[in-house]
Amino acid sequence: MPSGLVALLDDISVIARAAAASIDDVGAGVAKAGTKAAGVVIDDAAVTPGYVTGFTPDRELPIIWKIAKGSLRNKLLILLPIALLLSALLPAAIIPVLMLGGCYLCFEGAEKVIEKFGGEKHGKTLEDPIEDAASFEAGRVSGAIRTDLILSAEIMAIALAQVEEATLLTRAAALALVGVLITVGVYGAVALIVKMDDVGLHLARKPGAGAQATGRALLRAMPLVLAALGSVGTLAMLWVGGGIVLHGLDELGLPQPARLAHGIEHALAEAAGPLGAVAGWLGYALASALAGLAIGAVIAVIVHVIGNQMKRAQMKRAKPGRP
């Protein structure tokens, strides 16, 4: 065999081995990132059904599809380039950016808690009169995509932290794959959740006592499941947002709040014996959620005070001047 061809085949084998190693690196990075981002993924899956429930069944899947497309745009066209640029040029900015996103989640969660206790509603809800259904749907989709942008930013930042030592190409591939897989998983799960009542109705109409009993059970369970998801979504916003802020403060040289939360985690873990891991996790999540509620409540008060002052100023300007 001519020596030139041997050299060419040898080069190809080297490239193939390098490509295989890169794929392995990407796969390992995706696995690590997916595990670390699990909390935010739970948040995303729990929050999204709240933007869809209450619409007619024929609009549920189209709305989920619109939100899913917006989520992919958030991750691949906005956050992926920003994450790679920050990691290459200004890695110190990642923690403050994450903390800003965490504060937003705390604010959103605190607003929902305030609403549940009789506070002023945050924007239009399905209980309000809806003059323009298309405009209302567009607003709900837009709100879901904005919230997804924050959650996706946390996911991408967490994923980036797991592959920060990899090459730029491996980082980009891992982040893109994490973004696609998580989006498909989250919105696939959301679609199944919101359509379970249709599945129940279909089974309830089928012949056979077993199918009908299963269908009726699903129909009875779905309102409870959706109500529980709303509460879980609110708690998850506070838990994830508070945890991000606590971790960021620790990274920026203020470790006391994070140490207090971890102290609660370790105390509960030791007290619970065989269930220590679960109790410790719940303790840290609860401490993070309480921190998130406190942070979010402060932000909500500031936002509402500023908003009310702006409204009063506008009303004064709108009044005709007295002679």
Protein backbone atom coordinates (compact mmCIF):
# COMPACT_ATOMS: atom_id res chain seq x y z
CA MET A 1 0.00 0.00 0.00
CA PRO A 2 1.44 3.40 -0.91
CA SER A 3 2.90 5.23 2.06
CA GLY A 4 0.79 8.34 1.35
CA LEU A 5 -2.41 6.30 1.68
CA VAL A 6 -1.16 4.70 4.90
CA ALA A 7 -0.45 8.13 6.34
CA LEU A 8 -3.88 9.37 5.28
CA LEU A 9 -5.63 6.39 6.91
CA ASP A 10 -3.57 6.92 10.04
CA ASP A 11 -4.63 10.57 10.17
CA ILE A 12 -8.27 9.55 9.70
CA SER A 13 -8.03 7.07 12.57
CA VAL A 14 -6.54 9.78 14.82
CA ILE A 15 -9.35 12.18 13.90
CA ALA A 16 -11.95 9.46 14.53
CA ARG A 17 -10.50 8.71 17.96
CA ALA A 18 -10.46 12.41 18.80
CA ALA A 19 -14.05 12.76 17.65
CA ALA A 20 -15.09 9.78 19.75
CA ALA A 21 -13.33 11.26 22.76
CA SER A 22 -15.10 14.57 22.17
CA ILE A 23 -18.45 12.80 22.01
CA ASP A 24 -17.64 11.04 25.27
CA ASP A 25 -16.74 14.41 26.82
CA VAL A 26 -20.00 15.92 25.61
CA GLY A 27 -21.98 12.96 26.96
CA ALA A 28 -20.27 13.16 30.34
CA GLY A 29 -20.85 16.91 30.48
CA VAL A 30 -24.53 16.49 29.60
CA ALA A 31 -24.97 13.85 32.33
CA LYS A 32 -23.30 16.02 34.99
CA ALA A 33 -25.15 19.14 33.92
CA GLY A 34 -28.53 17.40 33.83
CA THR A 35 -28.06 16.08 37.36
CA LYS A 36 -27.00 19.46 38.77
CA ALA A 37 -29.84 21.29 37.00
CA ALA A 38 -32.52 18.88 38.25
CA GLY A 39 -33.96 21.39 40.73
CA VAL A 40 -34.47 24.05 38.08
CA VAL A 41 -35.96 21.47 35.70
CA ILE A 42 -38.51 20.51 38.37
CA ASP A 43 -39.28 24.21 38.77
CA ASP A 44 -39.76 24.62 35.02
CA ALA A 45 -42.04 21.58 34.75
CA ALA A 46 -44.12 22.66 37.75
CA VAL A 47 -44.49 26.31 36.74
CA THR A 48 -45.45 25.89 33.08
CA PRO A 49 -48.87 24.15 33.46
CA GLY A 50 -50.13 27.24 35.27
CA TYR A 51 -49.81 29.20 32.03
CA VAL A 52 -51.91 26.64 30.12
CA THR A 53 -54.68 25.48 32.44
CA GLY A 54 -58.08 27.07 32.01
CA PHE A 55 -57.95 27.37 28.23
CA THR A 56 -60.16 25.25 25.98
CA PRO A 57 -58.69 21.80 25.23
CA ASP A 58 -58.06 22.64 21.57
CA ARG A 59 -55.72 25.48 22.59
CA GLU A 60 -53.64 23.62 25.21
CA LEU A 61 -51.17 21.81 22.93
CA PRO A 62 -50.72 24.79 20.56
CA ILE A 63 -49.91 27.00 23.56
CA ILE A 64 -47.42 24.45 24.91
CA TRP A 65 -45.82 24.24 21.46
CA LYS A 66 -45.47 28.05 21.31
CA ILE A 67 -43.86 28.10 24.75
CA ALA A 68 -41.56 25.20 23.86
CA LYS A 69 -40.38 26.99 20.70
CA GLY A 70 -39.78 30.13 22.74
CA SER A 71 -37.82 28.07 25.25
CA LEU A 72 -35.59 26.63 22.51
CA ARG A 73 -34.97 30.15 21.17
CA ASN A 74 -34.12 31.30 24.68
CA LYS A 75 -31.59 28.52 25.17
CA LEU A 76 -29.98 28.18 21.75
CA LEU A 77 -30.15 31.67 20.22
CA ILE A 78 -29.86 33.92 23.29
CA LEU A 79 -28.39 32.10 26.28
CA LEU A 80 -25.93 29.75 24.58
CA PRO A 81 -23.93 32.53 22.85
CA ILE A 82 -24.06 34.72 25.98
CA ALA A 83 -22.90 31.84 28.20
CA LEU A 84 -19.98 31.02 25.92
CA LEU A 85 -18.95 34.68 25.62
CA LEU A 86 -19.14 35.22 29.38
CA SER A 87 -17.18 32.06 30.11
CA ALA A 88 -14.48 33.12 27.65
CA LEU A 89 -14.29 36.87 28.28
CA LEU A 90 -15.88 37.69 31.65
CA PRO A 91 -16.39 34.58 33.82
CA ALA A 92 -16.67 36.71 36.98
CA ALA A 93 -20.00 38.09 35.69
CA ILE A 94 -21.73 34.71 35.67
CA ILE A 95 -22.46 34.63 39.43
CA PRO A 96 -24.02 38.16 39.57
CA VAL A 97 -26.11 37.40 36.46
CA LEU A 98 -27.32 34.19 38.08
CA MET A 99 -28.18 36.09 41.26
CA LEU A 100 -30.26 38.61 39.30
CA GLY A 101 -32.20 35.73 37.79
CA GLY A 102 -32.60 34.21 41.24
CA CYS A 103 -33.98 37.48 42.58
CA TYR A 104 -36.52 37.54 39.75
CA LEU A 105 -37.68 34.02 40.65
CA CYS A 106 -37.96 35.07 44.31
CA PHE A 107 -40.05 38.07 43.28
CA GLU A 108 -42.38 35.96 41.10
CA GLY A 109 -42.80 33.38 43.86
CA ALA A 110 -43.45 36.01 46.54
CA GLU A 111 -46.04 37.70 44.31
CA LYS A 112 -47.92 34.40 44.02
CA VAL A 113 -47.82 33.90 47.80
CA ILE A 114 -49.10 37.46 48.32
CA GLU A 115 -51.94 36.79 45.86
CA LYS A 116 -52.92 33.56 47.69
CA PHE A 117 -53.27 35.53 50.92
CA GLY A 118 -55.58 38.09 49.36
CA GLY A 119 -53.05 40.55 47.99
CA GLU A 120 -53.37 42.44 44.75
CA LYS A 121 -53.29 40.18 41.71
CA HIS A 122 -50.16 40.22 39.58
CA GLY A 123 -51.48 40.87 36.07
CA LYS A 124 -54.63 39.44 34.49
CA THR A 125 -55.84 35.96 35.42
CA LEU A 126 -58.41 33.59 33.97
CA GLU A 127 -60.92 34.76 36.59
CA ASP A 128 -60.90 38.26 35.10
CA PRO A 129 -63.16 39.21 32.16
CA ILE A 130 -61.33 38.51 28.89
CA GLU A 131 -62.27 40.84 26.06
CA ASP A 132 -59.77 39.55 23.49
CA ALA A 133 -58.98 35.82 23.81
CA ALA A 134 -56.16 35.91 21.23
CA SER A 135 -54.47 38.84 22.95
CA PHE A 136 -54.86 37.20 26.35
CA GLU A 137 -53.33 33.95 25.04
CA ALA A 138 -50.43 35.86 23.51
CA GLY A 139 -49.84 37.58 26.84
CA ARG A 140 -49.82 34.28 28.71
CA VAL A 141 -47.38 32.75 26.20
CA SER A 142 -45.15 35.82 26.44
CA GLY A 143 -45.18 35.64 30.24
CA ALA A 144 -44.32 31.93 30.17
CA ILE A 145 -41.41 32.53 27.79
CA ARG A 146 -40.08 35.35 30.01
CA THR A 147 -40.16 33.08 33.06
CA ASP A 148 -38.59 30.31 31.00
CA LEU A 149 -35.77 32.67 30.03
CA ILE A 150 -34.79 33.02 33.69
CA LEU A 151 -35.14 29.31 34.40
CA SER A 152 -33.25 28.44 31.21
CA ALA A 153 -30.49 30.87 32.17
CA GLU A 154 -30.08 29.01 35.46
CA ILE A 155 -30.03 25.67 33.64
CA MET A 156 -27.45 26.84 31.11
CA ALA A 157 -25.27 28.45 33.79
CA ILE A 158 -25.37 25.29 35.91
CA ALA A 159 -24.55 23.23 32.83
CA LEU A 160 -21.70 25.57 31.94
CA ALA A 161 -20.19 25.19 35.42
CA GLN A 162 -19.99 21.43 34.88
CA VAL A 163 -18.06 21.67 31.60
CA GLU A 164 -16.05 24.87 32.18
CA GLU A 165 -12.75 22.98 31.84
CA ALA A 166 -13.69 21.53 28.44
CA THR A 167 -12.83 23.00 25.05
CA LEU A 168 -15.03 25.70 23.58
CA LEU A 169 -16.51 23.26 21.03
CA THR A 170 -17.29 20.66 23.70
CA ARG A 171 -18.87 23.32 25.92
CA ALA A 172 -21.03 24.56 23.06
CA ALA A 173 -22.13 21.05 22.08
CA ALA A 174 -22.88 20.04 25.67
CA LEU A 175 -24.88 23.20 26.38
CA ALA A 176 -26.85 22.86 23.14
CA LEU A 177 -27.64 19.21 23.86
CA VAL A 178 -28.64 19.97 27.46
CA GLY A 179 -30.91 22.76 26.20
CA VAL A 180 -32.65 20.55 23.64
CA LEU A 181 -33.03 17.50 25.89
CA ILE A 182 -34.36 19.49 28.84
CA THR A 183 -36.79 21.43 26.66
CA VAL A 184 -38.15 18.24 25.08
CA GLY A 185 -38.39 16.55 28.48
CA VAL A 186 -40.03 19.46 30.30
CA TYR A 187 -42.59 20.39 27.68
CA GLY A 188 -43.30 16.77 26.79
CA ALA A 189 -44.12 16.19 30.47
CA VAL A 190 -46.22 19.37 30.59
CA ALA A 191 -48.18 18.24 27.51
CA LEU A 192 -48.89 14.87 29.14
CA ILE A 193 -49.98 16.54 32.38
CA VAL A 194 -52.40 19.01 30.83
CA LYS A 195 -53.92 16.39 28.48
CA MET A 196 -54.46 13.74 31.15
CA ASP A 197 -58.05 14.92 31.65
CA ASP A 198 -58.71 14.28 27.93
CA VAL A 199 -57.21 10.82 28.34
CA GLY A 200 -59.45 10.26 31.35
CA LEU A 201 -62.53 11.39 29.41
CA HIS A 202 -61.62 9.06 26.53
CA LEU A 203 -61.19 6.09 28.88
CA ALA A 204 -64.40 6.90 30.76
CA ARG A 205 -66.34 6.57 27.47
CA LYS A 206 -64.78 3.26 26.45
CA PRO A 207 -66.57 -0.03 27.09
CA GLY A 208 -65.23 -2.00 30.02
CA ALA A 209 -65.49 -1.34 33.72
CA GLY A 210 -61.70 -1.15 34.21
CA ALA A 211 -61.16 1.50 31.54
CA GLN A 212 -64.12 3.54 32.77
CA ALA A 213 -62.97 3.39 36.39
CA THR A 214 -59.46 4.49 35.37
CA GLY A 215 -60.88 7.34 33.30
CA ARG A 216 -63.11 8.57 36.13
CA ALA A 217 -60.18 8.37 38.55
CA LEU A 218 -58.05 10.50 36.20
CA LEU A 219 -60.84 13.05 35.80
CA ARG A 220 -61.23 13.34 39.57
CA ALA A 221 -57.48 13.52 40.15
CA MET A 222 -56.52 16.12 37.53
CA PRO A 223 -57.89 19.24 39.31
CA LEU A 224 -56.02 18.16 42.44
CA VAL A 225 -52.85 17.47 40.45
CA LEU A 226 -52.97 20.84 38.70
CA ALA A 227 -53.66 22.66 41.98
CA ALA A 228 -50.75 20.81 43.59
CA LEU A 229 -48.49 21.68 40.65
CA GLY A 230 -49.37 25.35 41.10
CA SER A 231 -48.25 25.21 44.72
CA VAL A 232 -45.16 23.17 43.83
CA GLY A 233 -44.31 25.70 41.13
CA THR A 234 -44.50 28.58 43.59
CA LEU A 235 -42.40 26.72 46.16
CA ALA A 236 -39.92 25.73 43.47
CA MET A 237 -39.53 29.34 42.36
CA LEU A 238 -38.74 30.36 45.93
CA TRP A 239 -36.51 27.35 46.58
CA VAL A 240 -34.48 27.67 43.39
CA GLY A 241 -34.32 31.48 43.49
CA GLY A 242 -33.38 31.56 47.17
CA GLY A 243 -30.79 28.83 46.71
CA ILE A 244 -29.17 30.69 43.82
CA VAL A 245 -28.94 33.91 45.83
CA LEU A 246 -27.51 32.08 48.88
CA HIS A 247 -24.92 30.32 46.74
CA GLY A 248 -24.03 33.57 44.98
CA LEU A 249 -23.55 35.42 48.26
CA ASP A 250 -21.28 32.59 49.41
CA GLU A 251 -19.21 32.86 46.23
CA LEU A 252 -18.99 36.64 46.59
CA GLY A 253 -17.63 36.49 50.15
CA LEU A 254 -20.78 36.55 52.32
CA PRO A 255 -21.07 32.90 53.41
CA GLN A 256 -23.17 33.30 56.59
CA PRO A 257 -26.67 32.87 55.00
CA ALA A 258 -25.59 29.78 53.07
CA ARG A 259 -23.90 28.35 56.16
CA LEU A 260 -27.12 28.80 58.15
CA ALA A 261 -29.10 26.94 55.48
CA HIS A 262 -26.51 24.15 55.36
CA GLY A 263 -26.55 24.03 59.18
CA ILE A 264 -30.30 23.33 59.08
CA GLU A 265 -29.66 20.69 56.41
CA HIS A 266 -27.02 18.88 58.49
CA ALA A 267 -29.05 19.11 61.73
CA LEU A 268 -32.12 17.53 60.14
CA ALA A 269 -30.01 14.92 58.37
CA GLU A 270 -28.45 13.80 61.65
CA ALA A 271 -31.79 13.81 63.49
CA ALA A 272 -33.62 11.75 60.85
CA GLY A 273 -31.36 8.69 60.97
CA PRO A 274 -31.98 6.40 57.96
CA LEU A 275 -33.99 9.14 56.25
CA GLY A 276 -31.22 11.67 56.83
CA ALA A 277 -30.49 12.34 53.17
CA VAL A 278 -34.14 13.13 52.39
CA ALA A 279 -34.63 15.18 55.56
CA GLY A 280 -31.43 17.13 54.94
CA TRP A 281 -32.44 17.91 51.36
CA LEU A 282 -35.89 19.04 52.49
CA GLY A 283 -34.34 21.17 55.23
CA TYR A 284 -32.05 22.97 52.81
CA ALA A 285 -34.88 23.39 50.28
CA LEU A 286 -37.14 24.86 52.99
CA ALA A 287 -34.41 27.21 54.22
CA SER A 288 -33.76 28.32 50.63
CA ALA A 289 -37.49 28.83 50.03
CA LEU A 290 -37.85 30.95 53.18
CA ALA A 291 -34.84 33.02 52.14
CA GLY A 292 -36.38 33.35 48.67
CA LEU A 293 -39.71 34.45 50.15
CA ALA A 294 -38.01 37.11 52.27
CA ILE A 295 -35.96 38.39 49.31
CA GLY A 296 -38.97 38.31 46.99
CA ALA A 297 -41.23 40.08 49.49
CA VAL A 298 -38.73 42.94 49.84
CA ILE A 299 -38.47 43.26 46.06
CA ALA A 300 -42.28 43.09 45.70
CA VAL A 301 -42.75 45.89 48.25
CA ILE A 302 -40.19 48.06 46.46
CA VAL A 303 -41.77 47.35 43.05
CA HIS A 304 -45.28 48.12 44.28
CA VAL A 305 -44.23 51.29 46.10
CA ILE A 306 -42.45 52.57 43.00
CA GLY A 307 -45.37 51.48 40.80
CA ASN A 308 -47.92 53.27 42.99
CA GLN A 309 -45.81 56.43 43.04
CA MET A 310 -45.57 56.37 39.24
CA LYS A 311 -49.35 55.90 38.95
CA ARG A 312 -50.00 58.84 41.27
CA ALA A 313 -47.57 61.00 39.30
CA GLN A 314 -49.32 60.06 36.05
CA MET A 315 -52.74 60.86 37.51
CA LYS A 316 -51.51 64.27 38.67
CA ARG A 317 -50.15 65.03 35.22
CA ALA A 318 -53.42 63.87 33.64
CA LYS A 319 -55.56 66.26 35.72
CA PRO A 320 -56.37 69.54 33.95
CA GLY A 321 -54.65 72.54 35.46
CA ARG A 322 -56.71 74.78 37.67
CA PRO A 323 -57.10 78.47 36.65
